[in-house]
Protein backbone atom coordinates (compact mmCIF):
# COMPACT_ATOMS: atom_id res chain seq x y z
CA MET A 1 -27.99 -1.98 10.52
CA SER A 2 -29.74 1.24 11.40
CA PRO A 3 -28.66 4.58 9.90
CA GLU A 4 -27.39 5.64 13.34
CA THR A 5 -24.98 2.69 13.60
CA SER A 6 -23.81 2.53 10.00
CA PRO A 7 -20.13 3.32 9.33
CA ALA A 8 -21.21 6.32 7.23
CA ALA A 9 -22.90 7.84 10.27
CA ALA A 10 -19.51 8.24 11.93
CA GLY A 11 -18.45 10.75 9.29
CA PRO A 12 -15.28 10.88 7.23
CA ILE A 13 -12.43 8.63 8.26
CA SER A 14 -9.32 10.38 9.54
CA LEU A 15 -5.95 8.69 9.29
CA ALA A 16 -4.12 11.61 10.88
CA GLY A 17 -0.84 10.52 12.39
CA ARG A 18 -1.05 7.03 10.90
CA THR A 19 1.37 5.06 8.73
CA ILE A 20 -0.42 2.88 6.19
CA LEU A 21 1.09 0.21 3.92
CA VAL A 22 -0.51 -0.50 0.54
CA THR A 23 0.63 -3.54 -1.45
CA GLY A 24 0.08 -3.70 -5.19
CA ALA A 25 0.23 0.10 -5.14
CA ALA A 26 1.95 0.94 -8.45
CA ARG A 27 -1.30 1.23 -10.41
CA GLY A 28 -5.00 0.52 -10.50
CA LEU A 29 -6.85 -0.08 -7.25
CA GLY A 30 -3.68 -0.04 -5.16
CA ARG A 31 -2.80 3.41 -6.43
CA ALA A 32 -6.39 4.57 -5.83
CA PHE A 33 -6.22 3.24 -2.25
CA ALA A 34 -2.96 5.17 -1.72
CA ASP A 35 -4.57 8.35 -3.04
CA ALA A 36 -7.55 7.90 -0.69
CA ILE A 37 -5.25 7.24 2.27
CA VAL A 38 -3.39 10.47 1.59
CA ALA A 39 -6.71 12.32 1.24
CA ALA A 40 -7.77 10.92 4.63
CA GLY A 41 -4.72 12.58 6.19
CA ALA A 42 -2.30 9.73 6.81
CA ALA A 43 1.06 10.88 8.14
CA ARG A 44 2.83 8.44 5.81
CA VAL A 45 1.83 6.01 3.09
CA ILE A 46 4.19 3.21 2.10
CA LEU A 47 3.59 1.86 -1.38
CA ALA A 48 4.82 -1.65 -2.19
CA ASP A 49 4.87 -3.42 -5.53
CA ARG A 50 7.08 -5.56 -7.76
CA ASP A 51 6.88 -2.86 -10.43
CA ALA A 52 9.68 -0.62 -9.16
CA ALA A 53 9.34 2.03 -11.89
CA GLY A 54 5.58 2.29 -11.43
CA GLY A 55 5.83 2.29 -7.64
CA GLU A 56 8.52 4.97 -7.59
CA ALA A 57 6.47 7.08 -10.00
CA ALA A 58 3.32 6.71 -7.87
CA ALA A 59 5.21 7.67 -4.71
CA ALA A 60 6.79 10.66 -6.49
CA ASP A 61 3.34 11.83 -7.65
CA LEU A 62 2.03 11.65 -4.10
CA ARG A 63 5.08 13.48 -2.73
CA ALA A 64 4.61 16.20 -5.36
CA GLY A 65 1.19 16.78 -3.82
CA GLY A 66 2.71 17.13 -0.35
CA ALA A 67 2.34 13.56 0.97
CA ASP A 68 5.00 11.62 2.84
CA ALA A 69 4.98 8.70 0.41
CA ARG A 70 7.65 6.01 0.26
CA PHE A 71 8.11 3.06 -2.05
CA LEU A 72 9.47 -0.41 -1.30
CA ALA A 73 9.91 -2.98 -4.06
CA TYR A 74 9.08 -6.61 -3.40
CA ASP A 75 7.83 -9.68 -5.25
CA GLN A 76 5.23 -11.66 -3.34
CA ALA A 77 6.02 -14.74 -5.44
CA ASP A 78 9.61 -14.76 -4.10
CA PRO A 79 10.05 -15.79 -0.44
CA ALA A 80 13.49 -14.12 -0.24
CA SER A 81 12.01 -10.86 -1.53
CA ILE A 82 9.22 -11.04 1.04
CA ALA A 83 11.73 -11.61 3.87
CA ALA A 84 13.88 -8.69 2.74
CA PHE A 85 10.79 -6.50 2.39
CA GLY A 86 9.63 -7.35 5.91
CA ALA A 87 13.07 -6.66 7.36
CA THR A 88 13.33 -3.30 5.60
CA LEU A 89 9.81 -2.34 6.65
CA ALA A 90 10.51 -3.19 10.30
CA THR A 91 13.94 -1.54 10.39
CA ASP A 92 13.14 1.64 8.46
CA TYR A 93 9.52 2.25 9.51
CA GLY A 94 8.80 0.28 12.65
CA ALA A 95 5.15 -0.36 13.33
CA ILE A 96 2.49 0.36 10.74
CA ASP A 97 -1.03 1.34 11.68
CA GLY A 98 -2.89 -0.15 8.73
CA LEU A 99 -2.53 -2.43 5.74
CA VAL A 100 -4.30 -2.52 2.40
CA ASN A 101 -3.36 -5.98 1.17
CA ASN A 102 -4.08 -5.33 -2.50
CA ALA A 103 -1.28 -7.31 -4.19
CA ALA A 104 -2.23 -10.52 -5.92
CA LEU A 105 -0.72 -13.36 -7.84
CA ALA A 106 -2.26 -13.50 -11.27
CA THR A 107 -1.52 -15.95 -14.02
CA GLY A 108 -0.92 -14.36 -17.39
CA VAL A 109 0.32 -10.95 -16.22
CA GLY A 110 3.96 -11.76 -15.64
CA GLY A 111 3.88 -13.49 -12.27
CA LYS A 112 4.09 -17.13 -11.30
CA PRO A 113 0.83 -19.06 -11.17
CA ALA A 114 -0.38 -19.50 -7.60
CA THR A 115 0.20 -23.25 -7.92
CA GLU A 116 3.93 -22.62 -8.36
CA VAL A 117 4.39 -20.40 -5.33
């Protein structure tokens, strides 16, 4: 790839007017992705995680900085939770413009092993 056609040559990414969903957003990389999305000018960022307290706190921090940040709790190891999450997302927010699919199933950190899902 030549320097003229590299993604960096296009300049900073603007998410102005966009609604972006970030899963696994309560902490770590997910939270960092949410911060970067806000910095890129997204109209709204929707944080999703099974850690309701952490997700609410992350959304509150972003709102305190002026962002339109919302939080939706869900557990990706629970099919009923996923269905309810999808229904709420569609009903309350309609279409989203982007997804950071950061959530993961990890054995040993409180979730079900992937073989049990």
